[in-house]
């Protein structure tokens, strides 16, 4: 797998978590990060850290969070547990990174708000 695509998947997963109760920004997808160039603002160190966050979350849960934050999907109990296990710092950093992609810059504040809201909802379960 191309390193850039893997990095993009990490960022996308975090951003998914950040958005949970806003209007639908995109339709549900299964592999939303394919083909997106990595924003230059993302340092090598940050990308490595986000990859570690992604490993905790898992690809399945990352996609579920993404569809929740950028759409209107719901996160199941298992993925909520994985999101909490990943941690609030990773959640916030992934949401911030997602907002750096040209495709999502217009919604970066909404992404942050929805991901934090969803994280807190999962924490309360």
PDB file of N, CA and C in Angstrom:
ATOM      1  N   UNK A   1       0.848  -1.175   0.000  1.00  0.00           N
ATOM      2  CA  UNK A   1       0.000   0.000   0.000  1.00  0.00           C
ATOM      3  C   UNK A   1       0.893   1.237   0.000  1.00  0.00           C
ATOM      4  N   UNK A   2       0.576   2.185  -0.800  1.00  0.00           N
ATOM      5  CA  UNK A   2       1.331   3.414  -0.896  1.00  0.00           C
ATOM      6  C   UNK A   2       1.334   4.141   0.448  1.00  0.00           C
ATOM      7  N   UNK A   3       2.490   4.666   0.865  1.00  0.00           N
ATOM      8  CA  UNK A   3       2.601   5.354   2.155  1.00  0.00           C
ATOM      9  C   UNK A   3       1.648   6.535   2.247  1.00  0.00           C
ATOM     10  N   UNK A   4       1.508   7.261   1.131  1.00  0.00           N
ATOM     11  CA  UNK A   4       0.624   8.429   1.145  1.00  0.00           C
ATOM     12  C   UNK A   4      -0.826   8.040   1.379  1.00  0.00           C
ATOM     13  N   UNK A   5      -1.262   6.970   0.776  1.00  0.00           N
ATOM     14  CA  UNK A   5      -2.639   6.520   0.953  1.00  0.00           C
ATOM     15  C   UNK A   5      -2.850   6.065   2.394  1.00  0.00           C
ATOM     16  N   UNK A   6      -1.855   5.379   2.962  1.00  0.00           N
ATOM     17  CA  UNK A   6      -1.967   4.925   4.351  1.00  0.00           C
ATOM     18  C   UNK A   6      -2.053   6.120   5.300  1.00  0.00           C
ATOM     19  N   UNK A   7      -1.239   7.153   5.058  1.00  0.00           N
ATOM     20  CA  UNK A   7      -1.266   8.357   5.888  1.00  0.00           C
ATOM     21  C   UNK A   7      -2.616   9.039   5.758  1.00  0.00           C
ATOM     22  N   UNK A   8      -3.103   9.119   4.548  1.00  0.00           N
ATOM     23  CA  UNK A   8      -4.398   9.747   4.313  1.00  0.00           C
ATOM     24  C   UNK A   8      -5.478   8.985   5.062  1.00  0.00           C
ATOM     25  N   UNK A   9      -5.393   7.664   5.090  1.00  0.00           N
ATOM     26  CA  UNK A   9      -6.412   6.886   5.780  1.00  0.00           C
ATOM     27  C   UNK A   9      -6.391   7.190   7.270  1.00  0.00           C
ATOM     28  N   UNK A  10      -5.237   7.381   7.820  1.00  0.00           N
ATOM     29  CA  UNK A  10      -5.122   7.721   9.236  1.00  0.00           C
ATOM     30  C   UNK A  10      -5.828   9.035   9.524  1.00  0.00           C
ATOM     31  N   UNK A  11      -5.552  10.030   8.731  1.00  0.00           N
ATOM     32  CA  UNK A  11      -6.148  11.342   8.943  1.00  0.00           C
ATOM     33  C   UNK A  11      -7.654  11.296   8.770  1.00  0.00           C
ATOM     34  N   UNK A  12      -8.080  10.583   7.802  1.00  0.00           N
ATOM     35  CA  UNK A  12      -9.507  10.499   7.531  1.00  0.00           C
ATOM     36  C   UNK A  12     -10.233   9.855   8.698  1.00  0.00           C
ATOM     37  N   UNK A  13      -9.653   8.834   9.280  1.00  0.00           N
ATOM     38  CA  UNK A  13     -10.297   8.141  10.387  1.00  0.00           C
ATOM     39  C   UNK A  13     -10.525   9.071  11.573  1.00  0.00           C
ATOM     40  N   UNK A  14      -9.548   9.856  11.896  1.00  0.00           N
ATOM     41  CA  UNK A  14      -9.686  10.767  13.018  1.00  0.00           C
ATOM     42  C   UNK A  14     -10.763  11.790  12.728  1.00  0.00           C
ATOM     43  N   UNK A  15     -10.795  12.318  11.567  1.00  0.00           N
ATOM     44  CA  UNK A  15     -11.770  13.323  11.205  1.00  0.00           C
ATOM     45  C   UNK A  15     -13.189  12.792  11.238  1.00  0.00           C
ATOM     46  N   UNK A  16     -13.307  11.553  10.951  1.00  0.00           N
ATOM     47  CA  UNK A  16     -14.612  10.924  10.997  1.00  0.00           C
ATOM     48  C   UNK A  16     -15.161  11.015  12.406  1.00  0.00           C
ATOM     49  N   UNK A  17     -14.304  10.826  13.367  1.00  0.00           N
ATOM     50  CA  UNK A  17     -14.730  10.849  14.754  1.00  0.00           C
ATOM     51  C   UNK A  17     -15.182  12.228  15.172  1.00  0.00           C
ATOM     52  N   UNK A  18     -14.583  13.234  14.605  1.00  0.00           N
ATOM     53  CA  UNK A  18     -14.859  14.587  15.042  1.00  0.00           C
ATOM     54  C   UNK A  18     -16.250  15.068  14.653  1.00  0.00           C
ATOM     55  N   UNK A  19     -16.751  14.603  13.577  1.00  0.00           N
ATOM     56  CA  UNK A  19     -18.064  15.061  13.121  1.00  0.00           C
ATOM     57  C   UNK A  19     -19.126  14.013  13.384  1.00  0.00           C
ATOM     58  N   UNK A  20     -20.132  14.379  14.165  1.00  0.00           N
ATOM     59  CA  UNK A  20     -21.168  13.383  14.394  1.00  0.00           C
ATOM     60  C   UNK A  20     -22.585  13.905  14.319  1.00  0.00           C
ATOM     61  N   UNK A  21     -22.820  15.181  14.567  1.00  0.00           N
ATOM     62  CA  UNK A  21     -24.209  15.650  14.565  1.00  0.00           C
ATOM     63  C   UNK A  21     -24.414  16.891  13.713  1.00  0.00           C
ATOM     64  N   UNK A  22     -23.782  16.957  12.593  1.00  0.00           N
ATOM     65  CA  UNK A  22     -23.984  18.103  11.709  1.00  0.00           C
ATOM     66  C   UNK A  22     -24.708  17.624  10.461  1.00  0.00           C
ATOM     67  N   UNK A  23     -24.924  18.542   9.564  1.00  0.00           N
ATOM     68  CA  UNK A  23     -25.575  18.142   8.327  1.00  0.00           C
ATOM     69  C   UNK A  23     -24.647  17.254   7.521  1.00  0.00           C
ATOM     70  N   UNK A  24     -25.196  16.485   6.636  1.00  0.00           N
ATOM     71  CA  UNK A  24     -24.408  15.570   5.831  1.00  0.00           C
ATOM     72  C   UNK A  24     -23.527  16.350   4.868  1.00  0.00           C
ATOM     73  N   UNK A  25     -22.222  16.054   4.913  1.00  0.00           N
ATOM     74  CA  UNK A  25     -21.269  16.719   4.028  1.00  0.00           C
ATOM     75  C   UNK A  25     -20.951  15.862   2.819  1.00  0.00           C
ATOM     76  N   UNK A  26     -20.920  14.575   3.012  1.00  0.00           N
ATOM     77  CA  UNK A  26     -20.654  13.649   1.916  1.00  0.00           C
ATOM     78  C   UNK A  26     -21.495  12.406   2.127  1.00  0.00           C
ATOM     79  N   UNK A  27     -21.702  11.671   1.081  1.00  0.00           N
ATOM     80  CA  UNK A  27     -22.436  10.423   1.240  1.00  0.00           C
ATOM     81  C   UNK A  27     -21.507   9.370   1.826  1.00  0.00           C
ATOM     82  N   UNK A  28     -22.073   8.332   2.400  1.00  0.00           N
ATOM     83  CA  UNK A  28     -21.295   7.271   3.019  1.00  0.00           C
ATOM     84  C   UNK A  28     -20.368   6.635   1.990  1.00  0.00           C
ATOM     85  N   UNK A  29     -19.143   6.368   2.438  1.00  0.00           N
ATOM     86  CA  UNK A  29     -18.145   5.783   1.563  1.00  0.00           C
ATOM     87  C   UNK A  29     -17.423   4.668   2.295  1.00  0.00           C
ATOM     88  N   UNK A  30     -16.759   3.815   1.533  1.00  0.00           N
ATOM     89  CA  UNK A  30     -16.010   2.733   2.148  1.00  0.00           C
ATOM     90  C   UNK A  30     -14.511   2.977   2.152  1.00  0.00           C
ATOM     91  N   UNK A  31     -13.999   3.818   1.284  1.00  0.00           N
ATOM     92  CA  UNK A  31     -12.570   4.085   1.218  1.00  0.00           C
ATOM     93  C   UNK A  31     -12.372   5.549   0.805  1.00  0.00           C
ATOM     94  N   UNK A  32     -12.700   6.496   1.685  1.00  0.00           N
ATOM     95  CA  UNK A  32     -12.774   7.910   1.338  1.00  0.00           C
ATOM     96  C   UNK A  32     -11.449   8.586   1.055  1.00  0.00           C
ATOM     97  N   UNK A  33     -10.342   8.010   1.490  1.00  0.00           N
ATOM     98  CA  UNK A  33      -9.060   8.693   1.388  1.00  0.00           C
ATOM     99  C   UNK A  33      -8.280   8.337   0.132  1.00  0.00           C
ATOM    100  N   UNK A  34      -8.722   7.377  -0.614  1.00  0.00           N
ATOM    101  CA  UNK A  34      -7.990   6.952  -1.800  1.00  0.00           C
ATOM    102  C   UNK A  34      -7.844   8.111  -2.782  1.00  0.00           C
ATOM    103  N   UNK A  35      -6.620   8.351  -3.183  1.00  0.00           N
ATOM    104  CA  UNK A  35      -6.353   9.368  -4.191  1.00  0.00           C
ATOM    105  C   UNK A  35      -6.185  10.779  -3.675  1.00  0.00           C
ATOM    106  N   UNK A  36      -6.368  11.017  -2.391  1.00  0.00           N
ATOM    107  CA  UNK A  36      -6.200  12.367  -1.860  1.00  0.00           C
ATOM    108  C   UNK A  36      -4.724  12.628  -1.581  1.00  0.00           C
ATOM    109  N   UNK A  37      -4.191  13.734  -2.087  1.00  0.00           N
ATOM    110  CA  UNK A  37      -2.796  14.051  -1.787  1.00  0.00           C
ATOM    111  C   UNK A  37      -2.653  14.469  -0.319  1.00  0.00           C
ATOM    112  N   UNK A  38      -1.526  14.114   0.277  1.00  0.00           N
ATOM    113  CA  UNK A  38      -1.277  14.457   1.676  1.00  0.00           C
ATOM    114  C   UNK A  38      -0.967  15.955   1.767  1.00  0.00           C
ATOM    115  N   UNK A  39      -1.683  16.684   2.648  1.00  0.00           N
ATOM    116  CA  UNK A  39      -1.411  18.112   2.796  1.00  0.00           C
ATOM    117  C   UNK A  39       0.021  18.347   3.267  1.00  0.00           C
ATOM    118  N   UNK A  40       0.691  19.368   2.725  1.00  0.00           N
ATOM    119  CA  UNK A  40       2.080  19.635   3.104  1.00  0.00           C
ATOM    120  C   UNK A  40       2.227  20.048   4.566  1.00  0.00           C
ATOM    121  N   UNK A  41       1.158  20.516   5.196  1.00  0.00           N
ATOM    122  CA  UNK A  41       1.219  20.930   6.602  1.00  0.00           C
ATOM    123  C   UNK A  41       1.447  19.758   7.547  1.00  0.00           C
ATOM    124  N   UNK A  42       1.245  18.554   7.079  1.00  0.00           N
ATOM    125  CA  UNK A  42       1.378  17.375   7.929  1.00  0.00           C
ATOM    126  C   UNK A  42       2.828  16.891   7.933  1.00  0.00           C
ATOM    127  N   UNK A  43       3.498  17.137   9.034  1.00  0.00           N
ATOM    128  CA  UNK A  43       4.897  16.743   9.152  1.00  0.00           C
ATOM    129  C   UNK A  43       5.022  15.223   9.196  1.00  0.00           C
ATOM    130  N   UNK A  44       6.217  14.735   8.932  1.00  0.00           N
ATOM    131  CA  UNK A  44       6.479  13.310   8.980  1.00  0.00           C
ATOM    132  C   UNK A  44       6.175  12.763  10.372  1.00  0.00           C
ATOM    133  N   UNK A  45       6.580  13.499  11.403  1.00  0.00           N
ATOM    134  CA  UNK A  45       6.356  13.050  12.782  1.00  0.00           C
ATOM    135  C   UNK A  45       4.868  12.956  13.095  1.00  0.00           C
ATOM    136  N   UNK A  46       4.101  13.942  12.667  1.00  0.00           N
ATOM    137  CA  UNK A  46       2.658  13.924  12.910  1.00  0.00           C
ATOM    138  C   UNK A  46       2.009  12.771  12.149  1.00  0.00           C
ATOM    139  N   UNK A  47       2.450  12.535  10.933  1.00  0.00           N
ATOM    140  CA  UNK A  47       1.886  11.429  10.163  1.00  0.00           C
ATOM    141  C   UNK A  47       2.160  10.091  10.845  1.00  0.00           C
ATOM    142  N   UNK A  48       3.358   9.920  11.392  1.00  0.00           N
ATOM    143  CA  UNK A  48       3.692   8.682  12.119  1.00  0.00           C
ATOM    144  C   UNK A  48       2.796   8.540  13.347  1.00  0.00           C
ATOM    145  N   UNK A  49       2.593   9.641  14.066  1.00  0.00           N
ATOM    146  CA  UNK A  49       1.726   9.614  15.249  1.00  0.00           C
ATOM    147  C   UNK A  49       0.293   9.247  14.857  1.00  0.00           C
ATOM    148  N   UNK A  50      -0.202   9.832  13.797  1.00  0.00           N
ATOM    149  CA  UNK A  50      -1.566   9.554  13.355  1.00  0.00           C
ATOM    150  C   UNK A  50      -1.720   8.115  12.882  1.00  0.00           C
ATOM    151  N   UNK A  51      -0.678   7.561  12.322  1.00  0.00           N
ATOM    152  CA  UNK A  51      -0.715   6.151  11.925  1.00  0.00           C
ATOM    153  C   UNK A  51      -0.862   5.265  13.155  1.00  0.00           C
ATOM    154  N   UNK A  52      -0.184   5.641  14.242  1.00  0.00           N
ATOM    155  CA  UNK A  52      -0.321   4.884  15.493  1.00  0.00           C
ATOM    156  C   UNK A  52      -1.756   4.982  16.015  1.00  0.00           C
ATOM    157  N   UNK A  53      -2.357   6.160  15.897  1.00  0.00           N
ATOM    158  CA  UNK A  53      -3.756   6.342  16.304  1.00  0.00           C
ATOM    159  C   UNK A  53      -4.663   5.439  15.478  1.00  0.00           C
ATOM    160  N   UNK A  54      -4.413   5.394  14.187  1.00  0.00           N
ATOM    161  CA  UNK A  54      -5.239   4.598  13.273  1.00  0.00           C
ATOM    162  C   UNK A  54      -5.178   3.114  13.633  1.00  0.00           C
ATOM    163  N   UNK A  55      -4.024   2.640  14.035  1.00  0.00           N
ATOM    164  CA  UNK A  55      -3.886   1.219  14.382  1.00  0.00           C
ATOM    165  C   UNK A  55      -4.798   0.851  15.547  1.00  0.00           C
ATOM    166  N   UNK A  56      -4.948   1.756  16.497  1.00  0.00           N
ATOM    167  CA  UNK A  56      -5.823   1.499  17.643  1.00  0.00           C
ATOM    168  C   UNK A  56      -7.279   1.488  17.178  1.00  0.00           C
ATOM    169  N   UNK A  57      -7.625   2.408  16.342  1.00  0.00           N
ATOM    170  CA  UNK A  57      -9.011   2.570  15.891  1.00  0.00           C
ATOM    171  C   UNK A  57      -9.459   1.440  14.962  1.00  0.00           C
ATOM    172  N   UNK A  58      -8.641   0.972  14.105  1.00  0.00           N
ATOM    173  CA  UNK A  58      -8.894  -0.029  13.060  1.00  0.00           C
ATOM    174  C   UNK A  58      -9.547   0.626  11.837  1.00  0.00           C
ATOM    175  N   UNK A  59      -9.320   0.032  10.689  1.00  0.00           N
ATOM    176  CA  UNK A  59      -9.866   0.578   9.445  1.00  0.00           C
ATOM    177  C   UNK A  59     -11.390   0.565   9.463  1.00  0.00           C
ATOM    178  N   UNK A  60     -11.981  -0.541   9.923  1.00  0.00           N
ATOM    179  CA  UNK A  60     -13.446  -0.654   9.954  1.00  0.00           C
ATOM    180  C   UNK A  60     -14.057   0.491  10.770  1.00  0.00           C
ATOM    181  N   UNK A  61     -13.510   0.713  11.962  1.00  0.00           N
ATOM    182  CA  UNK A  61     -14.054   1.758  12.827  1.00  0.00           C
ATOM    183  C   UNK A  61     -13.715   3.148  12.296  1.00  0.00           C
ATOM    184  N   UNK A  62     -12.570   3.279  11.662  1.00  0.00           N
ATOM    185  CA  UNK A  62     -12.205   4.562  11.058  1.00  0.00           C
ATOM    186  C   UNK A  62     -13.205   4.970   9.991  1.00  0.00           C
ATOM    187  N   UNK A  63     -13.589   4.020   9.164  1.00  0.00           N
ATOM    188  CA  UNK A  63     -14.578   4.307   8.122  1.00  0.00           C
ATOM    189  C   UNK A  63     -15.921   4.638   8.756  1.00  0.00           C
ATOM    190  N   UNK A  64     -16.268   3.926   9.812  1.00  0.00           N
ATOM    191  CA  UNK A  64     -17.537   4.187  10.495  1.00  0.00           C
ATOM    192  C   UNK A  64     -17.543   5.595  11.103  1.00  0.00           C
ATOM    193  N   UNK A  65     -16.436   5.973  11.705  1.00  0.00           N
ATOM    194  CA  UNK A  65     -16.331   7.319  12.295  1.00  0.00           C
ATOM    195  C   UNK A  65     -16.374   8.370  11.194  1.00  0.00           C
ATOM    196  N   UNK A  66     -15.651   8.141  10.121  1.00  0.00           N
ATOM    197  CA  UNK A  66     -15.641   9.075   8.992  1.00  0.00           C
ATOM    198  C   UNK A  66     -17.063   9.309   8.489  1.00  0.00           C
ATOM    199  N   UNK A  67     -17.803   8.237   8.289  1.00  0.00           N
ATOM    200  CA  UNK A  67     -19.173   8.355   7.787  1.00  0.00           C
ATOM    201  C   UNK A  67     -20.089   9.028   8.802  1.00  0.00           C
ATOM    202  N   UNK A  68     -19.739   8.942  10.073  1.00  0.00           N
ATOM    203  CA  UNK A  68     -20.519   9.603  11.107  1.00  0.00           C
ATOM    204  C   UNK A  68     -20.225  11.098  11.137  1.00  0.00           C
ATOM    205  N   UNK A  69     -18.952  11.430  11.050  1.00  0.00           N
ATOM    206  CA  UNK A  69     -18.535  12.835  11.138  1.00  0.00           C
ATOM    207  C   UNK A  69     -18.897  13.607   9.870  1.00  0.00           C
ATOM    208  N   UNK A  70     -18.704  13.003   8.728  1.00  0.00           N
ATOM    209  CA  UNK A  70     -18.966  13.699   7.474  1.00  0.00           C
ATOM    210  C   UNK A  70     -20.328  13.377   6.891  1.00  0.00           C
ATOM    211  N   UNK A  71     -21.057  12.535   7.535  1.00  0.00           N
ATOM    212  CA  UNK A  71     -22.376  12.174   7.046  1.00  0.00           C
ATOM    213  C   UNK A  71     -23.356  12.076   8.190  1.00  0.00           C
ATOM    214  N   UNK A  72     -24.215  11.100   8.123  1.00  0.00           N
ATOM    215  CA  UNK A  72     -25.236  10.950   9.157  1.00  0.00           C
ATOM    216  C   UNK A  72     -25.284   9.535   9.717  1.00  0.00           C
ATOM    217  N   UNK A  73     -24.230   8.756   9.475  1.00  0.00           N
ATOM    218  CA  UNK A  73     -24.185   7.387   9.980  1.00  0.00           C
ATOM    219  C   UNK A  73     -24.012   7.382  11.501  1.00  0.00           C
ATOM    220  N   UNK A  74     -24.189   6.228  12.100  1.00  0.00           N
ATOM    221  CA  UNK A  74     -24.016   6.064  13.542  1.00  0.00           C
ATOM    222  C   UNK A  74     -22.813   5.163  13.791  1.00  0.00           C
ATOM    223  N   UNK A  75     -22.206   5.338  14.964  1.00  0.00           N
ATOM    224  CA  UNK A  75     -21.077   4.510  15.361  1.00  0.00           C
ATOM    225  C   UNK A  75     -21.589   3.429  16.295  1.00  0.00           C
ATOM    226  N   UNK A  76     -21.234   2.180  16.020  1.00  0.00           N
ATOM    227  CA  UNK A  76     -21.680   1.096  16.888  1.00  0.00           C
ATOM    228  C   UNK A  76     -20.878   1.082  18.189  1.00  0.00           C
ATOM    229  N   UNK A  77     -21.323   0.295  19.138  1.00  0.00           N
ATOM    230  CA  UNK A  77     -20.720   0.256  20.469  1.00  0.00           C
ATOM    231  C   UNK A  77     -19.248  -0.146  20.410  1.00  0.00           C
ATOM    232  N   UNK A  78     -18.923  -1.141  19.588  1.00  0.00           N
ATOM    233  CA  UNK A  78     -17.531  -1.595  19.468  1.00  0.00           C
ATOM    234  C   UNK A  78     -16.626  -0.458  18.990  1.00  0.00           C
ATOM    235  N   UNK A  79     -17.061   0.267  17.959  1.00  0.00           N
ATOM    236  CA  UNK A  79     -16.240   1.354  17.426  1.00  0.00           C
ATOM    237  C   UNK A  79     -16.168   2.534  18.393  1.00  0.00           C
ATOM    238  N   UNK A  80     -17.213   2.748  19.172  1.00  0.00           N
ATOM    239  CA  UNK A  80     -17.149   3.762  20.228  1.00  0.00           C
ATOM    240  C   UNK A  80     -16.048   3.398  21.225  1.00  0.00           C
ATOM    241  N   UNK A  81     -15.992   2.117  21.589  1.00  0.00           N
ATOM    242  CA  UNK A  81     -14.954   1.664  22.519  1.00  0.00           C
ATOM    243  C   UNK A  81     -13.567   1.863  21.917  1.00  0.00           C
ATOM    244  N   UNK A  82     -13.411   1.569  20.630  1.00  0.00           N
ATOM    245  CA  UNK A  82     -12.117   1.753  19.970  1.00  0.00           C
ATOM    246  C   UNK A  82     -11.752   3.238  19.895  1.00  0.00           C
ATOM    247  N   UNK A  83     -12.749   4.083  19.664  1.00  0.00           N
ATOM    248  CA  UNK A  83     -12.515   5.533  19.611  1.00  0.00           C
ATOM    249  C   UNK A  83     -12.019   6.043  20.956  1.00  0.00           C
ATOM    250  N   UNK A  84     -12.659   5.619  22.039  1.00  0.00           N
ATOM    251  CA  UNK A  84     -12.245   6.031  23.381  1.00  0.00           C
ATOM    252  C   UNK A  84     -10.864   5.467  23.694  1.00  0.00           C
ATOM    253  N   UNK A  85     -10.626   4.227  23.289  1.00  0.00           N
ATOM    254  CA  UNK A  85      -9.307   3.619  23.505  1.00  0.00           C
ATOM    255  C   UNK A  85      -8.226   4.411  22.754  1.00  0.00           C
ATOM    256  N   UNK A  86      -8.549   4.904  21.579  1.00  0.00           N
ATOM    257  CA  UNK A  86      -7.598   5.692  20.805  1.00  0.00           C
ATOM    258  C   UNK A  86      -7.249   6.984  21.533  1.00  0.00           C
ATOM    259  N   UNK A  87      -8.235   7.591  22.184  1.00  0.00           N
ATOM    260  CA  UNK A  87      -7.990   8.775  22.993  1.00  0.00           C
ATOM    261  C   UNK A  87      -8.433  10.080  22.369  1.00  0.00           C
ATOM    262  N   UNK A  88      -8.683  11.034  23.233  1.00  0.00           N
ATOM    263  CA  UNK A  88      -9.173  12.343  22.803  1.00  0.00           C
ATOM    264  C   UNK A  88      -8.119  13.112  22.003  1.00  0.00           C
ATOM    265  N   UNK A  89      -6.852  12.973  22.383  1.00  0.00           N
ATOM    266  CA  UNK A  89      -5.791  13.684  21.669  1.00  0.00           C
ATOM    267  C   UNK A  89      -5.719  13.205  20.219  1.00  0.00           C
ATOM    268  N   UNK A  90      -5.714  11.896  20.019  1.00  0.00           N
ATOM    269  CA  UNK A  90      -5.702  11.357  18.655  1.00  0.00           C
ATOM    270  C   UNK A  90      -6.947  11.793  17.891  1.00  0.00           C
ATOM    271  N   UNK A  91      -8.083  11.752  18.534  1.00  0.00           N
ATOM    272  CA  UNK A  91      -9.332  12.157  17.897  1.00  0.00           C
ATOM    273  C   UNK A  91      -9.234  13.595  17.403  1.00  0.00           C
ATOM    274  N   UNK A  92      -8.736  14.476  18.273  1.00  0.00           N
ATOM    275  CA  UNK A  92      -8.610  15.886  17.921  1.00  0.00           C
ATOM    276  C   UNK A  92      -7.600  16.087  16.795  1.00  0.00           C
ATOM    277  N   UNK A  93      -6.472  15.405  16.888  1.00  0.00           N
ATOM    278  CA  UNK A  93      -5.441  15.557  15.860  1.00  0.00           C
ATOM    279  C   UNK A  93      -5.893  15.008  14.512  1.00  0.00           C
ATOM    280  N   UNK A  94      -6.630  13.914  14.514  1.00  0.00           N
ATOM    281  CA  UNK A  94      -7.140  13.374  13.261  1.00  0.00           C
ATOM    282  C   UNK A  94      -8.169  14.318  12.642  1.00  0.00           C
ATOM    283  N   UNK A  95      -9.001  14.903  13.473  1.00  0.00           N
ATOM    284  CA  UNK A  95      -9.998  15.854  12.974  1.00  0.00           C
ATOM    285  C   UNK A  95      -9.318  17.078  12.365  1.00  0.00           C
ATOM    286  N   UNK A  96      -8.303  17.563  13.056  1.00  0.00           N
ATOM    287  CA  UNK A  96      -7.551  18.711  12.552  1.00  0.00           C
ATOM    288  C   UNK A  96      -6.891  18.371  11.225  1.00  0.00           C
ATOM    289  N   UNK A  97      -6.282  17.193  11.155  1.00  0.00           N
ATOM    290  CA  UNK A  97      -5.616  16.772   9.924  1.00  0.00           C
ATOM    291  C   UNK A  97      -6.614  16.635   8.775  1.00  0.00           C
ATOM    292  N   UNK A  98      -7.788  16.093   9.043  1.00  0.00           N
ATOM    293  CA  UNK A  98      -8.799  15.946   8.006  1.00  0.00           C
ATOM    294  C   UNK A  98      -9.165  17.307   7.414  1.00  0.00           C
ATOM    295  N   UNK A  99      -9.257  18.309   8.287  1.00  0.00           N
ATOM    296  CA  UNK A  99      -9.590  19.658   7.836  1.00  0.00           C
ATOM    297  C   UNK A  99      -8.521  20.315   6.983  1.00  0.00           C
ATOM    298  N   UNK A 100      -7.341  19.733   6.912  1.00  0.00           N
ATOM    299  CA  UNK A 100      -6.268  20.268   6.077  1.00  0.00           C
ATOM    300  C   UNK A 100      -6.389  19.845   4.618  1.00  0.00           C
ATOM    301  N   UNK A 101      -7.145  18.793   4.369  1.00  0.00           N
ATOM    302  CA  UNK A 101      -7.324  18.341   2.995  1.00  0.00           C
ATOM    303  C   UNK A 101      -8.223  19.316   2.247  1.00  0.00           C
ATOM    304  N   UNK A 102      -7.821  19.656   1.024  1.00  0.00           N
ATOM    305  CA  UNK A 102      -8.606  20.606   0.232  1.00  0.00           C
ATOM    306  C   UNK A 102     -10.073  20.236   0.176  1.00  0.00           C
ATOM    307  N   UNK A 103     -10.347  18.953   0.048  1.00  0.00           N
ATOM    308  CA  UNK A 103     -11.717  18.470  -0.077  1.00  0.00           C
ATOM    309  C   UNK A 103     -12.567  18.810   1.147  1.00  0.00           C
ATOM    310  N   UNK A 104     -11.938  18.981   2.328  1.00  0.00           N
ATOM    311  CA  UNK A 104     -12.681  19.185   3.571  1.00  0.00           C
ATOM    312  C   UNK A 104     -12.421  20.531   4.243  1.00  0.00           C
ATOM    313  N   UNK A 105     -11.592  21.381   3.638  1.00  0.00           N
ATOM    314  CA  UNK A 105     -11.257  22.664   4.266  1.00  0.00           C
ATOM    315  C   UNK A 105     -12.492  23.499   4.570  1.00  0.00           C
ATOM    316  N   UNK A 106     -13.477  23.447   3.709  1.00  0.00           N
ATOM    317  CA  UNK A 106     -14.693  24.234   3.902  1.00  0.00           C
ATOM    318  C   UNK A 106     -15.464  23.808   5.156  1.00  0.00           C
ATOM    319  N   UNK A 107     -15.181  22.616   5.659  1.00  0.00           N
ATOM    320  CA  UNK A 107     -15.946  22.083   6.794  1.00  0.00           C
ATOM    321  C   UNK A 107     -15.055  21.779   8.005  1.00  0.00           C
ATOM    322  N   UNK A 108     -13.860  22.366   8.078  1.00  0.00           N
ATOM    323  CA  UNK A 108     -12.941  21.961   9.142  1.00  0.00           C
ATOM    324  C   UNK A 108     -13.470  22.264  10.532  1.00  0.00           C
ATOM    325  N   UNK A 109     -14.170  23.356  10.730  1.00  0.00           N
ATOM    326  CA  UNK A 109     -14.737  23.648  12.047  1.00  0.00           C
ATOM    327  C   UNK A 109     -15.840  22.648  12.388  1.00  0.00           C
ATOM    328  N   UNK A 110     -16.683  22.363  11.440  1.00  0.00           N
ATOM    329  CA  UNK A 110     -17.757  21.396  11.641  1.00  0.00           C
ATOM    330  C   UNK A 110     -17.184  20.010  11.953  1.00  0.00           C
ATOM    331  N   UNK A 111     -16.120  19.652  11.275  1.00  0.00           N
ATOM    332  CA  UNK A 111     -15.464  18.366  11.521  1.00  0.00           C
ATOM    333  C   UNK A 111     -14.977  18.295  12.962  1.00  0.00           C
ATOM    334  N   UNK A 112     -14.341  19.364  13.427  1.00  0.00           N
ATOM    335  CA  UNK A 112     -13.835  19.389  14.806  1.00  0.00           C
ATOM    336  C   UNK A 112     -14.987  19.267  15.806  1.00  0.00           C
ATOM    337  N   UNK A 113     -16.041  20.018  15.575  1.00  0.00           N
ATOM    338  CA  UNK A 113     -17.185  20.018  16.492  1.00  0.00           C
ATOM    339  C   UNK A 113     -17.855  18.641  16.515  1.00  0.00           C
ATOM    340  N   UNK A 114     -18.119  18.087  15.352  1.00  0.00           N
ATOM    341  CA  UNK A 114     -18.798  16.786  15.295  1.00  0.00           C
ATOM    342  C   UNK A 114     -17.943  15.671  15.872  1.00  0.00           C
ATOM    343  N   UNK A 115     -16.652  15.715  15.611  1.00  0.00           N
ATOM    344  CA  UNK A 115     -15.788  14.649  16.134  1.00  0.00           C
ATOM    345  C   UNK A 115     -15.698  14.718  17.657  1.00  0.00           C
ATOM    346  N   UNK A 116     -15.600  15.911  18.208  1.00  0.00           N
ATOM    347  CA  UNK A 116     -15.563  16.055  19.661  1.00  0.00           C
ATOM    348  C   UNK A 116     -16.895  15.618  20.273  1.00  0.00           C
ATOM    349  N   UNK A 117     -17.988  15.999  19.646  1.00  0.00           N
ATOM    350  CA  UNK A 117     -19.304  15.613  20.141  1.00  0.00           C
ATOM    351  C   UNK A 117     -19.461  14.090  20.140  1.00  0.00           C
ATOM    352  N   UNK A 118     -19.042  13.462  19.045  1.00  0.00           N
ATOM    353  CA  UNK A 118     -19.164  12.005  18.964  1.00  0.00           C
ATOM    354  C   UNK A 118     -18.252  11.337  19.984  1.00  0.00           C
ATOM    355  N   UNK A 119     -17.049  11.855  20.162  1.00  0.00           N
ATOM    356  CA  UNK A 119     -16.133  11.293  21.160  1.00  0.00           C
ATOM    357  C   UNK A 119     -16.772  11.361  22.543  1.00  0.00           C
ATOM    358  N   UNK A 120     -17.346  12.507  22.877  1.00  0.00           N
ATOM    359  CA  UNK A 120     -17.984  12.666  24.192  1.00  0.00           C
ATOM    360  C   UNK A 120     -19.195  11.774  24.341  1.00  0.00           C
ATOM    361  N   UNK A 121     -19.958  11.564  23.271  1.00  0.00           N
ATOM    362  CA  UNK A 121     -21.092  10.649  23.333  1.00  0.00           C
ATOM    363  C   UNK A 121     -20.613   9.236  23.584  1.00  0.00           C
ATOM    364  N   UNK A 122     -19.561   8.834  22.915  1.00  0.00           N
ATOM    365  CA  UNK A 122     -19.012   7.489  23.107  1.00  0.00           C
ATOM    366  C   UNK A 122     -18.473   7.350  24.526  1.00  0.00           C
ATOM    367  N   UNK A 123     -17.858   8.373  25.021  1.00  0.00           N
ATOM    368  CA  UNK A 123     -17.306   8.358  26.379  1.00  0.00           C
ATOM    369  C   UNK A 123     -18.413   8.179  27.420  1.00  0.00           C
ATOM    370  N   UNK A 124     -19.578   8.725  27.133  1.00  0.00           N
ATOM    371  CA  UNK A 124     -20.700   8.642  28.059  1.00  0.00           C
ATOM    372  C   UNK A 124     -21.445   7.306  28.032  1.00  0.00           C
ATOM    373  N   UNK A 125     -21.100   6.427  27.111  1.00  0.00           N
ATOM    374  CA  UNK A 125     -21.804   5.144  26.991  1.00  0.00           C
ATOM    375  C   UNK A 125     -21.323   4.148  28.016  1.00  0.00           C
TER     376      UNK A 125
END
